[in-house]
Amino acid sequence: MRDLKLLPFDGLKIDCSLVEFMDQDNEQVVLVKAMIARAHNLKVAAEDVARAPVVD
């Protein structure tokens, strides 16, 4: 993770496999929230979010 700040990127794309069942798996929620918090000043996009509880 320390080396990520050396890479020239401005966004984070979260794969659908990580968000698909977030409304049913609290560990996934914790993981995705940590990823988003780490990417604080980046654009974040999640793929294939189909259910409202996952979007929230």
PDB file of N, CA and C in Angstrom:
ATOM      1  N   MET A   1       0.823  -1.190   0.000  1.00  0.00           N
ATOM      2  CA  MET A   1       0.000   0.000   0.000  1.00  0.00           C
ATOM      3  C   MET A   1       0.870   1.258   0.000  1.00  0.00           C
ATOM      4  N   ARG A   2       1.978   1.205   0.676  1.00  0.00           N
ATOM      5  CA  ARG A   2       2.854   2.367   0.757  1.00  0.00           C
ATOM      6  C   ARG A   2       3.307   2.816  -0.622  1.00  0.00           C
ATOM      7  N   ASP A   3       3.570   1.856  -1.500  1.00  0.00           N
ATOM      8  CA  ASP A   3       4.070   2.172  -2.836  1.00  0.00           C
ATOM      9  C   ASP A   3       2.993   2.707  -3.777  1.00  0.00           C
ATOM     10  N   LEU A   4       1.729   2.574  -3.410  1.00  0.00           N
ATOM     11  CA  LEU A   4       0.653   3.064  -4.277  1.00  0.00           C
ATOM     12  C   LEU A   4       0.765   4.561  -4.537  1.00  0.00           C
ATOM     13  N   LYS A   5       1.217   5.310  -3.549  1.00  0.00           N
ATOM     14  CA  LYS A   5       1.305   6.762  -3.736  1.00  0.00           C
ATOM     15  C   LYS A   5       2.342   7.149  -4.784  1.00  0.00           C
ATOM     16  N   LEU A   6       3.203   6.233  -5.155  1.00  0.00           N
ATOM     17  CA  LEU A   6       4.210   6.507  -6.178  1.00  0.00           C
ATOM     18  C   LEU A   6       3.672   6.319  -7.593  1.00  0.00           C
ATOM     19  N   LEU A   7       2.537   5.674  -7.725  1.00  0.00           N
ATOM     20  CA  LEU A   7       1.964   5.396  -9.043  1.00  0.00           C
ATOM     21  C   LEU A   7       1.127   6.574  -9.531  1.00  0.00           C
ATOM     22  N   PRO A   8       1.200   6.887 -10.820  1.00  0.00           N
ATOM     23  CA  PRO A   8       0.475   8.043 -11.371  1.00  0.00           C
ATOM     24  C   PRO A   8      -0.964   7.706 -11.774  1.00  0.00           C
ATOM     25  N   PHE A   9      -1.856   7.586 -10.822  1.00  0.00           N
ATOM     26  CA  PHE A   9      -3.258   7.353 -11.153  1.00  0.00           C
ATOM     27  C   PHE A   9      -4.128   8.328 -10.379  1.00  0.00           C
ATOM     28  N   ASP A  10      -5.351   8.546 -10.899  1.00  0.00           N
ATOM     29  CA  ASP A  10      -6.240   9.510 -10.247  1.00  0.00           C
ATOM     30  C   ASP A  10      -7.612   8.925  -9.948  1.00  0.00           C
ATOM     31  N   GLY A  11      -7.754   7.609 -10.079  1.00  0.00           N
ATOM     32  CA  GLY A  11      -9.038   6.991  -9.820  1.00  0.00           C
ATOM     33  C   GLY A  11      -8.896   5.569  -9.321  1.00  0.00           C
ATOM     34  N   LEU A  12      -9.971   5.074  -8.738  1.00  0.00           N
ATOM     35  CA  LEU A  12     -10.034   3.710  -8.235  1.00  0.00           C
ATOM     36  C   LEU A  12     -11.307   3.081  -8.768  1.00  0.00           C
ATOM     37  N   LYS A  13     -11.197   1.943  -9.406  1.00  0.00           N
ATOM     38  CA  LYS A  13     -12.356   1.214  -9.908  1.00  0.00           C
ATOM     39  C   LYS A  13     -12.487  -0.057  -9.081  1.00  0.00           C
ATOM     40  N   ILE A  14     -13.603  -0.190  -8.396  1.00  0.00           N
ATOM     41  CA  ILE A  14     -13.831  -1.338  -7.527  1.00  0.00           C
ATOM     42  C   ILE A  14     -14.595  -2.392  -8.317  1.00  0.00           C
ATOM     43  N   ASP A  15     -14.035  -3.571  -8.420  1.00  0.00           N
ATOM     44  CA  ASP A  15     -14.613  -4.650  -9.212  1.00  0.00           C
ATOM     45  C   ASP A  15     -15.960  -5.088  -8.642  1.00  0.00           C
ATOM     46  N   CYS A  16     -16.834  -5.518  -9.535  1.00  0.00           N
ATOM     47  CA  CYS A  16     -18.178  -5.934  -9.126  1.00  0.00           C
ATOM     48  C   CYS A  16     -18.147  -7.110  -8.151  1.00  0.00           C
ATOM     49  N   SER A  17     -17.125  -7.934  -8.200  1.00  0.00           N
ATOM     50  CA  SER A  17     -17.040  -9.068  -7.274  1.00  0.00           C
ATOM     51  C   SER A  17     -16.909  -8.603  -5.826  1.00  0.00           C
ATOM     52  N   LEU A  18     -16.446  -7.378  -5.623  1.00  0.00           N
ATOM     53  CA  LEU A  18     -16.309  -6.850  -4.268  1.00  0.00           C
ATOM     54  C   LEU A  18     -17.574  -6.168  -3.769  1.00  0.00           C
ATOM     55  N   VAL A  19     -18.410  -5.675  -4.664  1.00  0.00           N
ATOM     56  CA  VAL A  19     -19.600  -4.941  -4.231  1.00  0.00           C
ATOM     57  C   VAL A  19     -20.899  -5.712  -4.424  1.00  0.00           C
ATOM     58  N   GLU A  20     -20.850  -6.805  -5.153  1.00  0.00           N
ATOM     59  CA  GLU A  20     -22.073  -7.522  -5.519  1.00  0.00           C
ATOM     60  C   GLU A  20     -22.919  -7.932  -4.317  1.00  0.00           C
ATOM     61  N   PHE A  21     -22.311  -8.441  -3.270  1.00  0.00           N
ATOM     62  CA  PHE A  21     -23.069  -8.933  -2.117  1.00  0.00           C
ATOM     63  C   PHE A  21     -22.774  -8.146  -0.841  1.00  0.00           C
ATOM     64  N   MET A  22     -22.415  -6.883  -1.008  1.00  0.00           N
ATOM     65  CA  MET A  22     -22.113  -6.065   0.166  1.00  0.00           C
ATOM     66  C   MET A  22     -23.284  -5.974   1.132  1.00  0.00           C
ATOM     67  N   ASP A  23     -24.502  -5.990   0.609  1.00  0.00           N
ATOM     68  CA  ASP A  23     -25.667  -5.885   1.485  1.00  0.00           C
ATOM     69  C   ASP A  23     -25.907  -7.168   2.278  1.00  0.00           C
ATOM     70  N   GLN A  24     -25.139  -8.228   1.991  1.00  0.00           N
ATOM     71  CA  GLN A  24     -25.296  -9.504   2.685  1.00  0.00           C
ATOM     72  C   GLN A  24     -24.033  -9.927   3.437  1.00  0.00           C
ATOM     73  N   ASP A  25     -22.938  -9.202   3.265  1.00  0.00           N
ATOM     74  CA  ASP A  25     -21.655  -9.623   3.832  1.00  0.00           C
ATOM     75  C   ASP A  25     -20.947  -8.425   4.455  1.00  0.00           C
ATOM     76  N   ASN A  26     -20.952  -8.355   5.769  1.00  0.00           N
ATOM     77  CA  ASN A  26     -20.367  -7.210   6.467  1.00  0.00           C
ATOM     78  C   ASN A  26     -18.862  -7.094   6.233  1.00  0.00           C
ATOM     79  N   GLU A  27     -18.169  -8.206   6.036  1.00  0.00           N
ATOM     80  CA  GLU A  27     -16.729  -8.144   5.763  1.00  0.00           C
ATOM     81  C   GLU A  27     -16.459  -7.417   4.447  1.00  0.00           C
ATOM     82  N   GLN A  28     -17.320  -7.616   3.453  1.00  0.00           N
ATOM     83  CA  GLN A  28     -17.181  -6.912   2.178  1.00  0.00           C
ATOM     84  C   GLN A  28     -17.383  -5.416   2.389  1.00  0.00           C
ATOM     85  N   VAL A  29     -18.342  -5.055   3.226  1.00  0.00           N
ATOM     86  CA  VAL A  29     -18.601  -3.645   3.524  1.00  0.00           C
ATOM     87  C   VAL A  29     -17.353  -3.005   4.123  1.00  0.00           C
ATOM     88  N   VAL A  30     -16.756  -3.663   5.095  1.00  0.00           N
ATOM     89  CA  VAL A  30     -15.554  -3.140   5.749  1.00  0.00           C
ATOM     90  C   VAL A  30     -14.425  -2.983   4.742  1.00  0.00           C
ATOM     91  N   LEU A  31     -14.226  -3.981   3.890  1.00  0.00           N
ATOM     92  CA  LEU A  31     -13.157  -3.941   2.896  1.00  0.00           C
ATOM     93  C   LEU A  31     -13.348  -2.791   1.913  1.00  0.00           C
ATOM     94  N   VAL A  32     -14.552  -2.663   1.367  1.00  0.00           N
ATOM     95  CA  VAL A  32     -14.812  -1.616   0.375  1.00  0.00           C
ATOM     96  C   VAL A  32     -14.724  -0.232   1.008  1.00  0.00           C
ATOM     97  N   LYS A  33     -15.239  -0.071   2.211  1.00  0.00           N
ATOM     98  CA  LYS A  33     -15.134   1.226   2.888  1.00  0.00           C
ATOM     99  C   LYS A  33     -13.676   1.598   3.138  1.00  0.00           C
ATOM    100  N   ALA A  34     -12.850   0.619   3.493  1.00  0.00           N
ATOM    101  CA  ALA A  34     -11.426   0.888   3.708  1.00  0.00           C
ATOM    102  C   ALA A  34     -10.751   1.294   2.407  1.00  0.00           C
ATOM    103  N   MET A  35     -11.115   0.646   1.310  1.00  0.00           N
ATOM    104  CA  MET A  35     -10.544   0.999   0.011  1.00  0.00           C
ATOM    105  C   MET A  35     -10.918   2.426  -0.369  1.00  0.00           C
ATOM    106  N   ILE A  36     -12.177   2.779  -0.155  1.00  0.00           N
ATOM    107  CA  ILE A  36     -12.643   4.126  -0.493  1.00  0.00           C
ATOM    108  C   ILE A  36     -11.964   5.163   0.398  1.00  0.00           C
ATOM    109  N   ALA A  37     -11.821   4.863   1.681  1.00  0.00           N
ATOM    110  CA  ALA A  37     -11.154   5.792   2.593  1.00  0.00           C
ATOM    111  C   ALA A  37      -9.696   5.999   2.189  1.00  0.00           C
ATOM    112  N   ARG A  38      -9.038   4.948   1.752  1.00  0.00           N
ATOM    113  CA  ARG A  38      -7.635   5.038   1.336  1.00  0.00           C
ATOM    114  C   ARG A  38      -7.504   5.852   0.054  1.00  0.00           C
ATOM    115  N   ALA A  39      -8.532   5.827  -0.770  1.00  0.00           N
ATOM    116  CA  ALA A  39      -8.516   6.533  -2.055  1.00  0.00           C
ATOM    117  C   ALA A  39      -9.175   7.902  -1.922  1.00  0.00           C
ATOM    118  N   HIS A  40      -9.011   8.537  -0.789  1.00  0.00           N
ATOM    119  CA  HIS A  40      -9.725   9.758  -0.425  1.00  0.00           C
ATOM    120  C   HIS A  40      -9.771  10.825  -1.519  1.00  0.00           C
ATOM    121  N   ASN A  41      -8.692  11.163  -2.136  1.00  0.00           N
ATOM    122  CA  ASN A  41      -8.682  12.227  -3.142  1.00  0.00           C
ATOM    123  C   ASN A  41      -8.758  11.712  -4.575  1.00  0.00           C
ATOM    124  N   LEU A  42      -9.197  10.487  -4.746  1.00  0.00           N
ATOM    125  CA  LEU A  42      -9.308   9.899  -6.078  1.00  0.00           C
ATOM    126  C   LEU A  42     -10.770   9.775  -6.469  1.00  0.00           C
ATOM    127  N   LYS A  43     -11.016   9.653  -7.747  1.00  0.00           N
ATOM    128  CA  LYS A  43     -12.355   9.327  -8.228  1.00  0.00           C
ATOM    129  C   LYS A  43     -12.572   7.843  -7.962  1.00  0.00           C
ATOM    130  N   VAL A  44     -13.770   7.473  -7.486  1.00  0.00           N
ATOM    131  CA  VAL A  44     -14.067   6.073  -7.187  1.00  0.00           C
ATOM    132  C   VAL A  44     -15.292   5.648  -7.975  1.00  0.00           C
ATOM    133  N   ALA A  45     -15.197   4.492  -8.622  1.00  0.00           N
ATOM    134  CA  ALA A  45     -16.327   3.926  -9.359  1.00  0.00           C
ATOM    135  C   ALA A  45     -16.472   2.469  -8.972  1.00  0.00           C
ATOM    136  N   ALA A  46     -17.705   2.042  -8.753  1.00  0.00           N
ATOM    137  CA  ALA A  46     -17.977   0.635  -8.458  1.00  0.00           C
ATOM    138  C   ALA A  46     -18.752   0.051  -9.631  1.00  0.00           C
ATOM    139  N   GLU A  47     -18.357  -1.125 -10.072  1.00  0.00           N
ATOM    140  CA  GLU A  47     -18.987  -1.763 -11.223  1.00  0.00           C
ATOM    141  C   GLU A  47     -20.242  -2.532 -10.823  1.00  0.00           C
ATOM    142  N   ASP A  48     -21.241  -2.524 -11.700  1.00  0.00           N
ATOM    143  CA  ASP A  48     -22.422  -3.392 -11.601  1.00  0.00           C
ATOM    144  C   ASP A  48     -23.148  -3.330 -10.265  1.00  0.00           C
ATOM    145  N   VAL A  49     -23.319  -2.149  -9.706  1.00  0.00           N
ATOM    146  CA  VAL A  49     -24.085  -2.013  -8.471  1.00  0.00           C
ATOM    147  C   VAL A  49     -25.552  -1.944  -8.849  1.00  0.00           C
ATOM    148  N   ALA A  50     -26.317  -2.958  -8.451  1.00  0.00           N
ATOM    149  CA  ALA A  50     -27.699  -3.066  -8.904  1.00  0.00           C
ATOM    150  C   ALA A  50     -28.725  -2.864  -7.793  1.00  0.00           C
ATOM    151  N   ARG A  51     -28.319  -2.999  -6.538  1.00  0.00           N
ATOM    152  CA  ARG A  51     -29.284  -2.904  -5.444  1.00  0.00           C
ATOM    153  C   ARG A  51     -29.019  -1.646  -4.622  1.00  0.00           C
ATOM    154  N   ALA A  52     -30.085  -0.963  -4.230  1.00  0.00           N
ATOM    155  CA  ALA A  52     -29.976   0.294  -3.490  1.00  0.00           C
ATOM    156  C   ALA A  52     -29.167   0.176  -2.199  1.00  0.00           C
ATOM    157  N   PRO A  53     -29.327  -0.892  -1.398  1.00  0.00           N
ATOM    158  CA  PRO A  53     -28.529  -0.979  -0.168  1.00  0.00           C
ATOM    159  C   PRO A  53     -27.024  -0.983  -0.428  1.00  0.00           C
ATOM    160  N   VAL A  54     -26.607  -1.505  -1.551  1.00  0.00           N
ATOM    161  CA  VAL A  54     -25.184  -1.537  -1.891  1.00  0.00           C
ATOM    162  C   VAL A  54     -24.698  -0.142  -2.237  1.00  0.00           C
ATOM    163  N   VAL A  55     -25.515   0.625  -2.946  1.00  0.00           N
ATOM    164  CA  VAL A  55     -25.146   1.988  -3.327  1.00  0.00           C
ATOM    165  C   VAL A  55     -24.942   2.844  -2.089  1.00  0.00           C
ATOM    166  N   ASP A  56     -25.801   2.686  -1.105  1.00  0.00           N
ATOM    167  CA  ASP A  56     -25.709   3.481   0.123  1.00  0.00           C
ATOM    168  C   ASP A  56     -24.465   3.122   0.887  1.00  0.00           C
TER     169      ASP A  56
END
